Amino acid sequence: RASGALKVWYCEAAGENQHSLFDFLMFAWSKDAGSLLHGVP
């Protein structure tokens, strides 16, 4: 919200599940994901 920056991640799943969400959060907040945008909100 502060910067308007976006991060996108795709997964193969039939629907929402906590494991895919966990993987996304780790990708979104990780510094190692190859993105400048990182950190835990």
ModelCIF file with pLDDT and N, C-alpha, C, O atoms, coordinates in Angstrom:
data_MODEL
#
_entry.id   MODEL 
#
_entity.id                         1 
_entity.type                       polymer 
_entity.pdbx_number_of_molecules   1 
#
_entity_poly.entity_id                      1 
_entity_poly.type                           'polypeptide(L)' 
_entity_poly.nstd_linkage                   no 
_entity_poly.nstd_monomer                   no 
_entity_poly.pdbx_seq_one_letter_code       RASGALKVWYCEAAGENQHSLFDFLMFAWSKDAGSLLHGVP 
_entity_poly.pdbx_seq_one_letter_code_can   RASGALKVWYCEAAGENQHSLFDFLMFAWSKDAGSLLHGVP 
_entity_poly.pdbx_strand_id                 A 
#
loop_
_entity_poly_seq.entity_id 
_entity_poly_seq.num 
_entity_poly_seq.mon_id 
_entity_poly_seq.hetero 
1 1  ARG n 
1 2  ALA n 
1 3  SER n 
1 4  GLY n 
1 5  ALA n 
1 6  LEU n 
1 7  LYS n 
1 8  VAL n 
1 9  TRP n 
1 10 TYR n 
1 11 CYS n 
1 12 GLU n 
1 13 ALA n 
1 14 ALA n 
1 15 GLY n 
1 16 GLU n 
1 17 ASN n 
1 18 GLN n 
1 19 HIS n 
1 20 SER n 
1 21 LEU n 
1 22 PHE n 
1 23 ASP n 
1 24 PHE n 
1 25 LEU n 
1 26 MET n 
1 27 PHE n 
1 28 ALA n 
1 29 TRP n 
1 30 SER n 
1 31 LYS n 
1 32 ASP n 
1 33 ALA n 
1 34 GLY n 
1 35 SER n 
1 36 LEU n 
1 37 LEU n 
1 38 HIS n 
1 39 GLY n 
1 40 VAL n 
1 41 PRO n 
#
_struct_asym.id          A 
_struct_asym.entity_id   1 
#
loop_
_ma_qa_metric.id 
_ma_qa_metric.mode 
_ma_qa_metric.name 
_ma_qa_metric.software_group_id 
_ma_qa_metric.type 
1 global pLDDT . pLDDT 
2 local  pLDDT . pLDDT 
#
_ma_qa_metric_global.metric_id      1 
_ma_qa_metric_global.metric_value   90.22 
_ma_qa_metric_global.model_id       1 
_ma_qa_metric_global.ordinal_id     1 
#
loop_
_ma_qa_metric_local.label_asym_id 
_ma_qa_metric_local.label_comp_id 
_ma_qa_metric_local.label_seq_id 
_ma_qa_metric_local.metric_id 
_ma_qa_metric_local.metric_value 
_ma_qa_metric_local.model_id 
_ma_qa_metric_local.ordinal_id 
A ARG 1  2 89.00 1 1  
A ALA 2  2 88.00 1 2  
A SER 3  2 92.00 1 3  
A GLY 4  2 92.00 1 4  
A ALA 5  2 95.00 1 5  
A LEU 6  2 95.00 1 6  
A LYS 7  2 94.00 1 7  
A VAL 8  2 95.00 1 8  
A TRP 9  2 95.00 1 9  
A TYR 10 2 96.00 1 10 
A CYS 11 2 93.00 1 11 
A GLU 12 2 91.00 1 12 
A ALA 13 2 87.00 1 13 
A ALA 14 2 83.00 1 14 
A GLY 15 2 80.00 1 15 
A GLU 16 2 83.00 1 16 
A ASN 17 2 88.00 1 17 
A GLN 18 2 89.00 1 18 
A HIS 19 2 91.00 1 19 
A SER 20 2 92.00 1 20 
A LEU 21 2 92.00 1 21 
A PHE 22 2 94.00 1 22 
A ASP 23 2 94.00 1 23 
A PHE 24 2 94.00 1 24 
A LEU 25 2 95.00 1 25 
A MET 26 2 95.00 1 26 
A PHE 27 2 94.00 1 27 
A ALA 28 2 94.00 1 28 
A TRP 29 2 95.00 1 29 
A SER 30 2 93.00 1 30 
A LYS 31 2 89.00 1 31 
A ASP 32 2 75.00 1 32 
A ALA 33 2 65.00 1 33 
A GLY 34 2 72.00 1 34 
A SER 35 2 86.00 1 35 
A LEU 36 2 91.00 1 36 
A LEU 37 2 93.00 1 37 
A HIS 38 2 94.00 1 38 
A GLY 39 2 95.00 1 39 
A VAL 40 2 96.00 1 40 
A PRO 41 2 95.00 1 41 
#
loop_
_atom_site.group_PDB 
_atom_site.id 
_atom_site.type_symbol 
_atom_site.label_atom_id 
_atom_site.label_alt_id 
_atom_site.label_comp_id 
_atom_site.label_asym_id 
_atom_site.label_entity_id 
_atom_site.label_seq_id 
_atom_site.pdbx_PDB_ins_code 
_atom_site.Cartn_x 
_atom_site.Cartn_y 
_atom_site.Cartn_z 
_atom_site.occupancy 
_atom_site.B_iso_or_equiv 
_atom_site.pdbx_formal_charge 
_atom_site.auth_seq_id 
_atom_site.auth_comp_id 
_atom_site.auth_asym_id 
_atom_site.auth_atom_id 
_atom_site.pdbx_PDB_model_num 
ATOM 1   N N  . ARG A 1 1  ? 0.811  -1.219  0.000  1.00 89.00 ? 1  ARG A N  1 
ATOM 2   C CA . ARG A 1 1  ? 0.000  0.000   0.000  1.00 89.00 ? 1  ARG A CA 1 
ATOM 3   C C  . ARG A 1 1  ? 0.846  1.271   0.000  1.00 89.00 ? 1  ARG A C  1 
ATOM 4   O O  . ARG A 1 1  ? 0.472  2.258   -0.634 1.00 89.00 ? 1  ARG A O  1 
ATOM 5   N N  . ALA A 1 2  ? 1.966  1.263   0.692  1.00 88.00 ? 2  ALA A N  1 
ATOM 6   C CA . ALA A 1 2  ? 2.795  2.466   0.782  1.00 88.00 ? 2  ALA A CA 1 
ATOM 7   C C  . ALA A 1 2  ? 3.429  2.838   -0.554 1.00 88.00 ? 2  ALA A C  1 
ATOM 8   O O  . ALA A 1 2  ? 3.515  4.019   -0.890 1.00 88.00 ? 2  ALA A O  1 
ATOM 9   N N  . SER A 1 3  ? 3.872  1.848   -1.314 1.00 92.00 ? 3  SER A N  1 
ATOM 10  C CA . SER A 1 3  ? 4.593  2.137   -2.554 1.00 92.00 ? 3  SER A CA 1 
ATOM 11  C C  . SER A 1 3  ? 3.806  1.790   -3.812 1.00 92.00 ? 3  SER A C  1 
ATOM 12  O O  . SER A 1 3  ? 4.151  2.250   -4.901 1.00 92.00 ? 3  SER A O  1 
ATOM 13  N N  . GLY A 1 4  ? 2.773  0.998   -3.681 1.00 92.00 ? 4  GLY A N  1 
ATOM 14  C CA . GLY A 1 4  ? 2.032  0.542   -4.857 1.00 92.00 ? 4  GLY A CA 1 
ATOM 15  C C  . GLY A 1 4  ? 2.734  -0.590  -5.593 1.00 92.00 ? 4  GLY A C  1 
ATOM 16  O O  . GLY A 1 4  ? 2.293  -0.995  -6.668 1.00 92.00 ? 4  GLY A O  1 
ATOM 17  N N  . ALA A 1 5  ? 3.824  -1.106  -5.026 1.00 95.00 ? 5  ALA A N  1 
ATOM 18  C CA . ALA A 1 5  ? 4.583  -2.187  -5.675 1.00 95.00 ? 5  ALA A CA 1 
ATOM 19  C C  . ALA A 1 5  ? 3.785  -3.492  -5.644 1.00 95.00 ? 5  ALA A C  1 
ATOM 20  O O  . ALA A 1 5  ? 3.025  -3.749  -4.710 1.00 95.00 ? 5  ALA A O  1 
ATOM 21  N N  . LEU A 1 6  ? 3.973  -4.302  -6.675 1.00 95.00 ? 6  LEU A N  1 
ATOM 22  C CA . LEU A 1 6  ? 3.264  -5.570  -6.831 1.00 95.00 ? 6  LEU A CA 1 
ATOM 23  C C  . LEU A 1 6  ? 4.242  -6.736  -6.816 1.00 95.00 ? 6  LEU A C  1 
ATOM 24  O O  . LEU A 1 6  ? 5.397  -6.605  -7.221 1.00 95.00 ? 6  LEU A O  1 
ATOM 25  N N  . LYS A 1 7  ? 3.762  -7.867  -6.347 1.00 94.00 ? 7  LYS A N  1 
ATOM 26  C CA . LYS A 1 7  ? 4.506  -9.114  -6.429 1.00 94.00 ? 7  LYS A CA 1 
ATOM 27  C C  . LYS A 1 7  ? 3.502  -10.191 -6.818 1.00 94.00 ? 7  LYS A C  1 
ATOM 28  O O  . LYS A 1 7  ? 2.429  -10.285 -6.223 1.00 94.00 ? 7  LYS A O  1 
ATOM 29  N N  . VAL A 1 8  ? 3.844  -10.999 -7.809 1.00 95.00 ? 8  VAL A N  1 
ATOM 30  C CA . VAL A 1 8  ? 2.914  -11.980 -8.366 1.00 95.00 ? 8  VAL A CA 1 
ATOM 31  C C  . VAL A 1 8  ? 3.512  -13.374 -8.235 1.00 95.00 ? 8  VAL A C  1 
ATOM 32  O O  . VAL A 1 8  ? 4.713  -13.571 -8.422 1.00 95.00 ? 8  VAL A O  1 
ATOM 33  N N  . TRP A 1 9  ? 2.653  -14.338 -7.909 1.00 95.00 ? 9  TRP A N  1 
ATOM 34  C CA . TRP A 1 9  ? 3.107  -15.723 -7.794 1.00 95.00 ? 9  TRP A CA 1 
ATOM 35  C C  . TRP A 1 9  ? 1.968  -16.646 -8.214 1.00 95.00 ? 9  TRP A C  1 
ATOM 36  O O  . TRP A 1 9  ? 0.816  -16.446 -7.827 1.00 95.00 ? 9  TRP A O  1 
ATOM 37  N N  . TYR A 1 10 ? 2.302  -17.651 -9.005 1.00 96.00 ? 10 TYR A N  1 
ATOM 38  C CA . TYR A 1 10 ? 1.327  -18.627 -9.483 1.00 96.00 ? 10 TYR A CA 1 
ATOM 39  C C  . TYR A 1 10 ? 1.594  -19.979 -8.841 1.00 96.00 ? 10 TYR A C  1 
ATOM 40  O O  . TYR A 1 10 ? 2.740  -20.328 -8.555 1.00 96.00 ? 10 TYR A O  1 
ATOM 41  N N  . CYS A 1 11 ? 0.529  -20.735 -8.617 1.00 93.00 ? 11 CYS A N  1 
ATOM 42  C CA . CYS A 1 11 ? 0.687  -22.095 -8.098 1.00 93.00 ? 11 CYS A CA 1 
ATOM 43  C C  . CYS A 1 11 ? -0.322 -23.000 -8.795 1.00 93.00 ? 11 CYS A C  1 
ATOM 44  O O  . CYS A 1 11 ? -1.358 -22.553 -9.287 1.00 93.00 ? 11 CYS A O  1 
ATOM 45  N N  . GLU A 1 12 ? 0.012  -24.271 -8.819 1.00 91.00 ? 12 GLU A N  1 
ATOM 46  C CA . GLU A 1 12 ? -0.902 -25.264 -9.369 1.00 91.00 ? 12 GLU A CA 1 
ATOM 47  C C  . GLU A 1 12 ? -1.703 -25.857 -8.223 1.00 91.00 ? 12 GLU A C  1 
ATOM 48  O O  . GLU A 1 12 ? -1.171 -26.618 -7.414 1.00 91.00 ? 12 GLU A O  1 
ATOM 49  N N  . ALA A 1 13 ? -2.978 -25.512 -8.154 1.00 87.00 ? 13 ALA A N  1 
ATOM 50  C CA . ALA A 1 13 ? -3.842 -26.009 -7.088 1.00 87.00 ? 13 ALA A CA 1 
ATOM 51  C C  . ALA A 1 13 ? -5.285 -25.941 -7.555 1.00 87.00 ? 13 ALA A C  1 
ATOM 52  O O  . ALA A 1 13 ? -5.642 -25.100 -8.380 1.00 87.00 ? 13 ALA A O  1 
ATOM 53  N N  . ALA A 1 14 ? -6.104 -26.825 -7.027 1.00 83.00 ? 14 ALA A N  1 
ATOM 54  C CA . ALA A 1 14 ? -7.524 -26.842 -7.386 1.00 83.00 ? 14 ALA A CA 1 
ATOM 55  C C  . ALA A 1 14 ? -8.266 -25.679 -6.751 1.00 83.00 ? 14 ALA A C  1 
ATOM 56  O O  . ALA A 1 14 ? -9.350 -25.318 -7.209 1.00 83.00 ? 14 ALA A O  1 
ATOM 57  N N  . GLY A 1 15 ? -7.711 -25.092 -5.718 1.00 80.00 ? 15 GLY A N  1 
ATOM 58  C CA . GLY A 1 15 ? -8.335 -23.973 -5.029 1.00 80.00 ? 15 GLY A CA 1 
ATOM 59  C C  . GLY A 1 15 ? -7.412 -23.470 -3.938 1.00 80.00 ? 15 GLY A C  1 
ATOM 60  O O  . GLY A 1 15 ? -6.241 -23.844 -3.869 1.00 80.00 ? 15 GLY A O  1 
ATOM 61  N N  . GLU A 1 16 ? -7.958 -22.616 -3.087 1.00 83.00 ? 16 GLU A N  1 
ATOM 62  C CA . GLU A 1 16 ? -7.162 -22.085 -1.985 1.00 83.00 ? 16 GLU A CA 1 
ATOM 63  C C  . GLU A 1 16 ? -6.821 -23.178 -0.985 1.00 83.00 ? 16 GLU A C  1 
ATOM 64  O O  . GLU A 1 16 ? -7.661 -24.019 -0.663 1.00 83.00 ? 16 GLU A O  1 
ATOM 65  N N  . ASN A 1 17 ? -5.602 -23.163 -0.502 1.00 88.00 ? 17 ASN A N  1 
ATOM 66  C CA . ASN A 1 17 ? -5.242 -24.034 0.614  1.00 88.00 ? 17 ASN A CA 1 
ATOM 67  C C  . ASN A 1 17 ? -4.110 -23.377 1.390  1.00 88.00 ? 17 ASN A C  1 
ATOM 68  O O  . ASN A 1 17 ? -3.389 -22.531 0.860  1.00 88.00 ? 17 ASN A O  1 
ATOM 69  N N  . GLN A 1 18 ? -3.963 -23.770 2.639  1.00 89.00 ? 18 GLN A N  1 
ATOM 70  C CA . GLN A 1 18 ? -2.999 -23.106 3.506  1.00 89.00 ? 18 GLN A CA 1 
ATOM 71  C C  . GLN A 1 18 ? -1.556 -23.350 3.076  1.00 89.00 ? 18 GLN A C  1 
ATOM 72  O O  . GLN A 1 18 ? -0.688 -22.527 3.366  1.00 89.00 ? 18 GLN A O  1 
ATOM 73  N N  . HIS A 1 19 ? -1.280 -24.449 2.399  1.00 91.00 ? 19 HIS A N  1 
ATOM 74  C CA . HIS A 1 19 ? 0.092  -24.732 1.972  1.00 91.00 ? 19 HIS A CA 1 
ATOM 75  C C  . HIS A 1 19 ? 0.514  -23.803 0.830  1.00 91.00 ? 19 HIS A C  1 
ATOM 76  O O  . HIS A 1 19 ? 1.638  -23.302 0.819  1.00 91.00 ? 19 HIS A O  1 
ATOM 77  N N  . SER A 1 20 ? -0.382 -23.575 -0.125 1.00 92.00 ? 20 SER A N  1 
ATOM 78  C CA . SER A 1 20 ? -0.075 -22.638 -1.207 1.00 92.00 ? 20 SER A CA 1 
ATOM 79  C C  . SER A 1 20 ? 0.051  -21.229 -0.669 1.00 92.00 ? 20 SER A C  1 
ATOM 80  O O  . SER A 1 20 ? 0.924  -20.473 -1.095 1.00 92.00 ? 20 SER A O  1 
ATOM 81  N N  . LEU A 1 21 ? -0.822 -20.867 0.271  1.00 92.00 ? 21 LEU A N  1 
ATOM 82  C CA . LEU A 1 21 ? -0.753 -19.533 0.866  1.00 92.00 ? 21 LEU A CA 1 
ATOM 83  C C  . LEU A 1 21 ? 0.566  -19.358 1.627  1.00 92.00 ? 21 LEU A C  1 
ATOM 84  O O  . LEU A 1 21 ? 1.203  -18.309 1.529  1.00 92.00 ? 21 LEU A O  1 
ATOM 85  N N  . PHE A 1 22 ? 0.971  -20.365 2.371  1.00 94.00 ? 22 PHE A N  1 
ATOM 86  C CA . PHE A 1 22 ? 2.250  -20.314 3.085  1.00 94.00 ? 22 PHE A CA 1 
ATOM 87  C C  . PHE A 1 22 ? 3.394  -20.110 2.094  1.00 94.00 ? 22 PHE A C  1 
ATOM 88  O O  . PHE A 1 22 ? 4.256  -19.255 2.302  1.00 94.00 ? 22 PHE A O  1 
ATOM 89  N N  . ASP A 1 23 ? 3.401  -20.900 1.009  1.00 94.00 ? 23 ASP A N  1 
ATOM 90  C CA . ASP A 1 23 ? 4.464  -20.773 0.004  1.00 94.00 ? 23 ASP A CA 1 
ATOM 91  C C  . ASP A 1 23 ? 4.479  -19.364 -0.597 1.00 94.00 ? 23 ASP A C  1 
ATOM 92  O O  . ASP A 1 23 ? 5.547  -18.799 -0.833 1.00 94.00 ? 23 ASP A O  1 
ATOM 93  N N  . PHE A 1 24 ? 3.294  -18.801 -0.844 1.00 94.00 ? 24 PHE A N  1 
ATOM 94  C CA . PHE A 1 24 ? 3.221  -17.445 -1.393 1.00 94.00 ? 24 PHE A CA 1 
ATOM 95  C C  . PHE A 1 24 ? 3.763  -16.421 -0.398 1.00 94.00 ? 24 PHE A C  1 
ATOM 96  O O  . PHE A 1 24 ? 4.546  -15.548 -0.773 1.00 94.00 ? 24 PHE A O  1 
ATOM 97  N N  . LEU A 1 25 ? 3.354  -16.520 0.859  1.00 95.00 ? 25 LEU A N  1 
ATOM 98  C CA . LEU A 1 25 ? 3.834  -15.565 1.855  1.00 95.00 ? 25 LEU A CA 1 
ATOM 99  C C  . LEU A 1 25 ? 5.352  -15.638 1.999  1.00 95.00 ? 25 LEU A C  1 
ATOM 100 O O  . LEU A 1 25 ? 6.013  -14.608 2.135  1.00 95.00 ? 25 LEU A O  1 
ATOM 101 N N  . MET A 1 26 ? 5.901  -16.839 1.971  1.00 95.00 ? 26 MET A N  1 
ATOM 102 C CA . MET A 1 26 ? 7.355  -16.980 2.056  1.00 95.00 ? 26 MET A CA 1 
ATOM 103 C C  . MET A 1 26 ? 8.022  -16.337 0.837  1.00 95.00 ? 26 MET A C  1 
ATOM 104 O O  . MET A 1 26 ? 9.052  -15.676 0.966  1.00 95.00 ? 26 MET A O  1 
ATOM 105 N N  . PHE A 1 27 ? 7.438  -16.532 -0.335 1.00 94.00 ? 27 PHE A N  1 
ATOM 106 C CA . PHE A 1 27 ? 7.960  -15.902 -1.553 1.00 94.00 ? 27 PHE A CA 1 
ATOM 107 C C  . PHE A 1 27 ? 7.831  -14.385 -1.463 1.00 94.00 ? 27 PHE A C  1 
ATOM 108 O O  . PHE A 1 27 ? 8.777  -13.656 -1.762 1.00 94.00 ? 27 PHE A O  1 
ATOM 109 N N  . ALA A 1 28 ? 6.659  -13.916 -1.049 1.00 94.00 ? 28 ALA A N  1 
ATOM 110 C CA . ALA A 1 28 ? 6.374  -12.475 -1.041 1.00 94.00 ? 28 ALA A CA 1 
ATOM 111 C C  . ALA A 1 28 ? 7.237  -11.720 -0.048 1.00 94.00 ? 28 ALA A C  1 
ATOM 112 O O  . ALA A 1 28 ? 7.649  -10.594 -0.324 1.00 94.00 ? 28 ALA A O  1 
ATOM 113 N N  . TRP A 1 29 ? 7.518  -12.317 1.101  1.00 95.00 ? 29 TRP A N  1 
ATOM 114 C CA . TRP A 1 29 ? 8.236  -11.612 2.155  1.00 95.00 ? 29 TRP A CA 1 
ATOM 115 C C  . TRP A 1 29 ? 9.728  -11.905 2.179  1.00 95.00 ? 29 TRP A C  1 
ATOM 116 O O  . TRP A 1 29 ? 10.471 -11.255 2.914  1.00 95.00 ? 29 TRP A O  1 
ATOM 117 N N  . SER A 1 30 ? 10.174 -12.865 1.394  1.00 93.00 ? 30 SER A N  1 
ATOM 118 C CA . SER A 1 30 ? 11.571 -13.285 1.412  1.00 93.00 ? 30 SER A CA 1 
ATOM 119 C C  . SER A 1 30 ? 12.456 -12.337 0.612  1.00 93.00 ? 30 SER A C  1 
ATOM 120 O O  . SER A 1 30 ? 12.053 -11.824 -0.432 1.00 93.00 ? 30 SER A O  1 
ATOM 121 N N  . LYS A 1 31 ? 13.651 -12.117 1.109  1.00 89.00 ? 31 LYS A N  1 
ATOM 122 C CA . LYS A 1 31 ? 14.638 -11.323 0.383  1.00 89.00 ? 31 LYS A CA 1 
ATOM 123 C C  . LYS A 1 31 ? 15.304 -12.162 -0.697 1.00 89.00 ? 31 LYS A C  1 
ATOM 124 O O  . LYS A 1 31 ? 15.835 -11.618 -1.665 1.00 89.00 ? 31 LYS A O  1 
ATOM 125 N N  . ASP A 1 32 ? 15.280 -13.461 -0.543 1.00 75.00 ? 32 ASP A N  1 
ATOM 126 C CA . ASP A 1 32 ? 15.958 -14.364 -1.477 1.00 75.00 ? 32 ASP A CA 1 
ATOM 127 C C  . ASP A 1 32 ? 15.156 -14.646 -2.742 1.00 75.00 ? 32 ASP A C  1 
ATOM 128 O O  . ASP A 1 32 ? 15.609 -15.412 -3.593 1.00 75.00 ? 32 ASP A O  1 
ATOM 129 N N  . ALA A 1 33 ? 13.992 -14.056 -2.883 1.00 65.00 ? 33 ALA A N  1 
ATOM 130 C CA . ALA A 1 33 ? 13.124 -14.366 -4.020 1.00 65.00 ? 33 ALA A CA 1 
ATOM 131 C C  . ALA A 1 33 ? 13.546 -13.651 -5.302 1.00 65.00 ? 33 ALA A C  1 
ATOM 132 O O  . ALA A 1 33 ? 12.875 -13.793 -6.325 1.00 65.00 ? 33 ALA A O  1 
ATOM 133 N N  . GLY A 1 34 ? 14.627 -12.894 -5.276 1.00 72.00 ? 34 GLY A N  1 
ATOM 134 C CA . GLY A 1 34 ? 15.082 -12.215 -6.483 1.00 72.00 ? 34 GLY A CA 1 
ATOM 135 C C  . GLY A 1 34 ? 14.385 -10.886 -6.707 1.00 72.00 ? 34 GLY A C  1 
ATOM 136 O O  . GLY A 1 34 ? 14.451 -10.327 -7.801 1.00 72.00 ? 34 GLY A O  1 
ATOM 137 N N  . SER A 1 35 ? 13.721 -10.378 -5.687 1.00 86.00 ? 35 SER A N  1 
ATOM 138 C CA . SER A 1 35 ? 12.972 -9.141  -5.810 1.00 86.00 ? 35 SER A CA 1 
ATOM 139 C C  . SER A 1 35 ? 13.471 -8.116  -4.803 1.00 86.00 ? 35 SER A C  1 
ATOM 140 O O  . SER A 1 35 ? 13.894 -8.474  -3.704 1.00 86.00 ? 35 SER A O  1 
ATOM 141 N N  . LEU A 1 36 ? 13.423 -6.859  -5.173 1.00 91.00 ? 36 LEU A N  1 
ATOM 142 C CA . LEU A 1 36 ? 13.786 -5.800  -4.240 1.00 91.00 ? 36 LEU A CA 1 
ATOM 143 C C  . LEU A 1 36 ? 12.763 -5.732  -3.106 1.00 91.00 ? 36 LEU A C  1 
ATOM 144 O O  . LEU A 1 36 ? 13.135 -5.474  -1.961 1.00 91.00 ? 36 LEU A O  1 
ATOM 145 N N  . LEU A 1 37 ? 11.503 -5.954  -3.400 1.00 93.00 ? 37 LEU A N  1 
ATOM 146 C CA . LEU A 1 37 ? 10.416 -5.888  -2.419 1.00 93.00 ? 37 LEU A CA 1 
ATOM 147 C C  . LEU A 1 37 ? 10.467 -7.109  -1.501 1.00 93.00 ? 37 LEU A C  1 
ATOM 148 O O  . LEU A 1 37 ? 10.354 -8.244  -1.963 1.00 93.00 ? 37 LEU A O  1 
ATOM 149 N N  . HIS A 1 38 ? 10.636 -6.872  -0.215 1.00 94.00 ? 38 HIS A N  1 
ATOM 150 C CA . HIS A 1 38 ? 10.684 -7.964  0.751  1.00 94.00 ? 38 HIS A CA 1 
ATOM 151 C C  . HIS A 1 38 ? 10.384 -7.410  2.134  1.00 94.00 ? 38 HIS A C  1 
ATOM 152 O O  . HIS A 1 38 ? 10.275 -6.197  2.313  1.00 94.00 ? 38 HIS A O  1 
ATOM 153 N N  . GLY A 1 39 ? 10.251 -8.287  3.099  1.00 95.00 ? 39 GLY A N  1 
ATOM 154 C CA . GLY A 1 39 ? 10.016 -7.884  4.473  1.00 95.00 ? 39 GLY A CA 1 
ATOM 155 C C  . GLY A 1 39 ? 8.636  -8.292  4.962  1.00 95.00 ? 39 GLY A C  1 
ATOM 156 O O  . GLY A 1 39 ? 7.705  -8.451  4.172  1.00 95.00 ? 39 GLY A O  1 
ATOM 157 N N  . VAL A 1 40 ? 8.517  -8.459  6.261  1.00 96.00 ? 40 VAL A N  1 
ATOM 158 C CA . VAL A 1 40 ? 7.271  -8.886  6.901  1.00 96.00 ? 40 VAL A CA 1 
ATOM 159 C C  . VAL A 1 40 ? 6.486  -7.638  7.290  1.00 96.00 ? 40 VAL A C  1 
ATOM 160 O O  . VAL A 1 40 ? 7.007  -6.779  8.000  1.00 96.00 ? 40 VAL A O  1 
ATOM 161 N N  . PRO A 1 41 ? 5.251  -7.530  6.839  1.00 95.00 ? 41 PRO A N  1 
ATOM 162 C CA . PRO A 1 41 ? 4.458  -6.337  7.166  1.00 95.00 ? 41 PRO A CA 1 
ATOM 163 C C  . PRO A 1 41 ? 3.915  -6.389  8.598  1.00 95.00 ? 41 PRO A C  1 
ATOM 164 O O  . PRO A 1 41 ? 3.228  -5.464  9.032  1.00 95.00 ? 41 PRO A O  1 
#
